[in-house]
Amino acid sequence: MSIRKFIFCDICNPQGIRSIELRRAPRENQRTGRRLGDGRAWIEGDLNNAVKNRWLCTSDGRHVCPECRAIKKDI
């Protein structure tokens, strides 16, 4: 039995909300692991997987999704 890991964006999803039922199918230039319409980002996997998918881990340990990273350039 393996343990599933999730990383949540500390900017757009600080409460760590994840809903599989409303998850979008992966498409080019779209965030995966998102709920429809609410903009909360999360990714399944470890930190290496997140970094490979353009997520950022800041020096103070926050996780930032690619969309928030593009919007907040001062991170």
N, C-alpha and C. Protein backbone atom coordinates (compact mmCIF):
# COMPACT_ATOMS: atom_id res chain seq x y z
N MET A 1 0.84 -1.17 0.00
CA MET A 1 0.00 0.00 0.00
C MET A 1 0.89 1.24 0.00
N SER A 2 0.63 2.13 -0.92
CA SER A 2 1.44 3.34 -0.99
C SER A 2 0.67 4.53 -0.42
N ILE A 3 1.42 5.51 -0.01
CA ILE A 3 0.84 6.73 0.54
C ILE A 3 0.80 7.77 -0.56
N ARG A 4 -0.36 8.38 -0.77
CA ARG A 4 -0.50 9.42 -1.78
C ARG A 4 -0.10 10.75 -1.16
N LYS A 5 0.60 11.56 -1.96
CA LYS A 5 1.06 12.87 -1.50
C LYS A 5 0.44 13.94 -2.38
N PHE A 6 0.09 15.06 -1.76
CA PHE A 6 -0.49 16.18 -2.47
C PHE A 6 0.22 17.46 -2.04
N ILE A 7 0.40 18.35 -2.98
CA ILE A 7 0.95 19.68 -2.69
C ILE A 7 -0.10 20.69 -3.12
N PHE A 8 -0.38 21.63 -2.23
CA PHE A 8 -1.39 22.64 -2.49
C PHE A 8 -0.71 24.00 -2.62
N CYS A 9 -1.22 24.83 -3.51
CA CYS A 9 -0.67 26.17 -3.69
C CYS A 9 -1.01 27.00 -2.45
N ASP A 10 0.00 27.60 -1.84
CA ASP A 10 -0.20 28.39 -0.64
C ASP A 10 -0.78 29.77 -0.94
N ILE A 11 -0.92 30.11 -2.21
CA ILE A 11 -1.52 31.40 -2.56
C ILE A 11 -3.00 31.22 -2.92
N CYS A 12 -3.30 30.36 -3.87
CA CYS A 12 -4.69 30.22 -4.31
C CYS A 12 -5.45 29.09 -3.61
N ASN A 13 -4.76 28.25 -2.84
CA ASN A 13 -5.42 27.15 -2.15
C ASN A 13 -4.79 26.91 -0.77
N PRO A 14 -4.76 27.93 0.09
CA PRO A 14 -4.09 27.76 1.38
C PRO A 14 -4.80 26.78 2.32
N GLN A 15 -6.08 26.50 2.08
CA GLN A 15 -6.82 25.56 2.93
C GLN A 15 -6.62 24.12 2.52
N GLY A 16 -5.96 23.89 1.38
CA GLY A 16 -5.69 22.53 0.93
C GLY A 16 -6.94 21.78 0.52
N ILE A 17 -7.79 22.42 -0.25
CA ILE A 17 -9.03 21.79 -0.69
C ILE A 17 -8.78 21.07 -2.01
N ARG A 18 -9.25 19.82 -2.06
CA ARG A 18 -9.06 18.98 -3.24
C ARG A 18 -10.36 18.26 -3.52
N SER A 19 -10.81 18.33 -4.75
CA SER A 19 -12.04 17.64 -5.13
C SER A 19 -11.77 16.87 -6.43
N ILE A 20 -11.76 15.57 -6.35
CA ILE A 20 -11.46 14.75 -7.51
C ILE A 20 -12.63 14.74 -8.49
N GLU A 21 -13.86 14.80 -8.00
CA GLU A 21 -15.03 14.68 -8.85
C GLU A 21 -15.09 15.76 -9.92
N LEU A 22 -14.60 16.95 -9.64
CA LEU A 22 -14.71 18.05 -10.57
C LEU A 22 -13.38 18.36 -11.26
N ARG A 23 -12.45 17.44 -11.22
CA ARG A 23 -11.13 17.69 -11.78
C ARG A 23 -11.16 17.72 -13.30
N ARG A 24 -10.45 18.66 -13.86
CA ARG A 24 -10.34 18.78 -15.32
C ARG A 24 -9.39 17.74 -15.87
N ALA A 25 -9.60 17.41 -17.11
CA ALA A 25 -8.63 16.56 -17.81
C ALA A 25 -7.44 17.42 -18.20
N PRO A 26 -6.23 16.88 -18.14
CA PRO A 26 -5.05 17.68 -18.50
C PRO A 26 -5.10 18.13 -19.96
N ARG A 27 -4.83 19.40 -20.17
CA ARG A 27 -4.77 19.95 -21.52
C ARG A 27 -3.55 20.86 -21.60
N GLU A 28 -3.13 21.13 -22.80
CA GLU A 28 -1.98 22.02 -23.02
C GLU A 28 -2.28 23.41 -22.46
N ASN A 29 -1.31 23.98 -21.75
CA ASN A 29 -1.40 25.32 -21.18
C ASN A 29 -2.54 25.50 -20.19
N GLN A 30 -2.98 24.42 -19.54
CA GLN A 30 -3.98 24.54 -18.49
C GLN A 30 -3.49 23.82 -17.26
N ARG A 31 -3.92 24.32 -16.13
CA ARG A 31 -3.51 23.72 -14.87
C ARG A 31 -4.22 22.39 -14.70
N THR A 32 -3.50 21.40 -14.17
CA THR A 32 -4.13 20.13 -13.87
C THR A 32 -4.34 20.04 -12.38
N GLY A 33 -5.25 19.17 -11.97
CA GLY A 33 -5.53 19.03 -10.56
C GLY A 33 -6.30 20.20 -10.00
N ARG A 34 -7.14 20.82 -10.80
CA ARG A 34 -7.92 21.96 -10.36
C ARG A 34 -9.39 21.62 -10.34
N ARG A 35 -10.09 22.28 -9.47
CA ARG A 35 -11.54 22.18 -9.51
C ARG A 35 -12.05 23.14 -10.56
N LEU A 36 -13.15 22.80 -11.18
CA LEU A 36 -13.76 23.68 -12.17
C LEU A 36 -14.24 24.96 -11.50
N GLY A 37 -13.81 26.08 -12.00
CA GLY A 37 -14.37 27.35 -11.60
C GLY A 37 -13.85 28.00 -10.35
N ASP A 38 -13.22 27.30 -9.44
CA ASP A 38 -12.82 27.98 -8.22
C ASP A 38 -11.35 28.38 -8.20
N GLY A 39 -10.54 27.88 -9.10
CA GLY A 39 -9.16 28.32 -9.22
C GLY A 39 -8.20 27.80 -8.16
N ARG A 40 -8.59 26.83 -7.39
CA ARG A 40 -7.70 26.29 -6.35
C ARG A 40 -6.79 25.24 -6.96
N ALA A 41 -5.48 25.43 -6.84
CA ALA A 41 -4.52 24.52 -7.47
C ALA A 41 -3.94 23.54 -6.46
N TRP A 42 -3.74 22.32 -6.93
CA TRP A 42 -3.06 21.28 -6.18
C TRP A 42 -2.46 20.30 -7.19
N ILE A 43 -1.49 19.56 -6.74
CA ILE A 43 -0.85 18.57 -7.60
C ILE A 43 -0.60 17.32 -6.78
N GLU A 44 -0.80 16.17 -7.40
CA GLU A 44 -0.54 14.91 -6.72
C GLU A 44 0.89 14.51 -6.99
N GLY A 45 1.63 14.22 -5.94
CA GLY A 45 3.01 13.80 -6.07
C GLY A 45 3.89 14.51 -5.05
N ASP A 46 5.17 14.24 -5.14
CA ASP A 46 6.10 14.85 -4.21
C ASP A 46 6.63 16.17 -4.76
N LEU A 47 7.54 16.80 -4.02
CA LEU A 47 8.07 18.10 -4.41
C LEU A 47 8.82 18.03 -5.74
N ASN A 48 9.54 16.94 -5.99
CA ASN A 48 10.25 16.80 -7.28
C ASN A 48 9.27 16.81 -8.44
N ASN A 49 8.15 16.11 -8.29
CA ASN A 49 7.12 16.10 -9.32
C ASN A 49 6.55 17.49 -9.53
N ALA A 50 6.32 18.21 -8.45
CA ALA A 50 5.77 19.57 -8.56
C ALA A 50 6.75 20.50 -9.28
N VAL A 51 8.02 20.42 -8.94
CA VAL A 51 9.02 21.28 -9.58
C VAL A 51 9.13 20.97 -11.07
N LYS A 52 9.03 19.70 -11.43
CA LYS A 52 9.05 19.32 -12.85
C LYS A 52 7.86 19.91 -13.60
N ASN A 53 6.77 20.17 -12.88
CA ASN A 53 5.57 20.75 -13.47
C ASN A 53 5.48 22.25 -13.22
N ARG A 54 6.63 22.90 -13.05
CA ARG A 54 6.77 24.35 -12.94
C ARG A 54 6.24 24.96 -11.64
N TRP A 55 6.09 24.17 -10.58
CA TRP A 55 5.73 24.71 -9.29
C TRP A 55 7.00 25.27 -8.64
N LEU A 56 6.82 26.18 -7.70
CA LEU A 56 7.94 26.81 -7.01
C LEU A 56 7.84 26.51 -5.52
N CYS A 57 8.95 26.20 -4.91
CA CYS A 57 9.04 26.08 -3.47
C CYS A 57 9.91 27.23 -2.99
N THR A 58 9.33 28.16 -2.24
CA THR A 58 10.05 29.35 -1.81
C THR A 58 11.01 29.02 -0.67
N SER A 59 11.87 29.96 -0.35
CA SER A 59 12.86 29.75 0.72
C SER A 59 12.20 29.58 2.09
N ASP A 60 10.98 30.10 2.24
CA ASP A 60 10.28 29.93 3.52
C ASP A 60 9.34 28.73 3.52
N GLY A 61 9.44 27.86 2.48
CA GLY A 61 8.70 26.60 2.45
C GLY A 61 7.31 26.66 1.85
N ARG A 62 6.93 27.78 1.25
CA ARG A 62 5.62 27.86 0.62
C ARG A 62 5.68 27.23 -0.77
N HIS A 63 4.57 26.67 -1.21
CA HIS A 63 4.45 26.08 -2.55
C HIS A 63 3.58 27.00 -3.39
N VAL A 64 4.04 27.30 -4.61
CA VAL A 64 3.34 28.23 -5.49
C VAL A 64 3.13 27.56 -6.84
N CYS A 65 1.87 27.53 -7.28
CA CYS A 65 1.54 26.91 -8.57
C CYS A 65 2.04 27.79 -9.72
N PRO A 66 2.14 27.24 -10.92
CA PRO A 66 2.63 28.01 -12.07
C PRO A 66 1.78 29.25 -12.38
N GLU A 67 0.47 29.15 -12.20
CA GLU A 67 -0.40 30.29 -12.49
C GLU A 67 -0.15 31.44 -11.51
N CYS A 68 -0.09 31.15 -10.24
CA CYS A 68 0.19 32.19 -9.23
C CYS A 68 1.61 32.71 -9.37
N ARG A 69 2.51 31.86 -9.76
CA ARG A 69 3.90 32.26 -9.98
C ARG A 69 3.99 33.28 -11.11
N ALA A 70 3.19 33.09 -12.16
CA ALA A 70 3.17 34.02 -13.29
C ALA A 70 2.54 35.36 -12.90
N ILE A 71 1.53 35.31 -12.02
CA ILE A 71 0.84 36.53 -11.61
C ILE A 71 1.67 37.31 -10.60
N LYS A 72 2.23 36.63 -9.62
CA LYS A 72 3.01 37.27 -8.56
C LYS A 72 4.49 37.13 -8.86
N LYS A 73 5.01 38.02 -9.61
CA LYS A 73 6.42 37.93 -10.05
C LYS A 73 7.42 38.27 -8.95
N ASP A 74 6.96 38.80 -7.81
CA ASP A 74 7.86 39.17 -6.72
C ASP A 74 8.15 38.02 -5.77
N ILE A 75 7.73 36.81 -6.09
CA ILE A 75 7.97 35.66 -5.21
C ILE A 75 9.35 35.14 -5.41
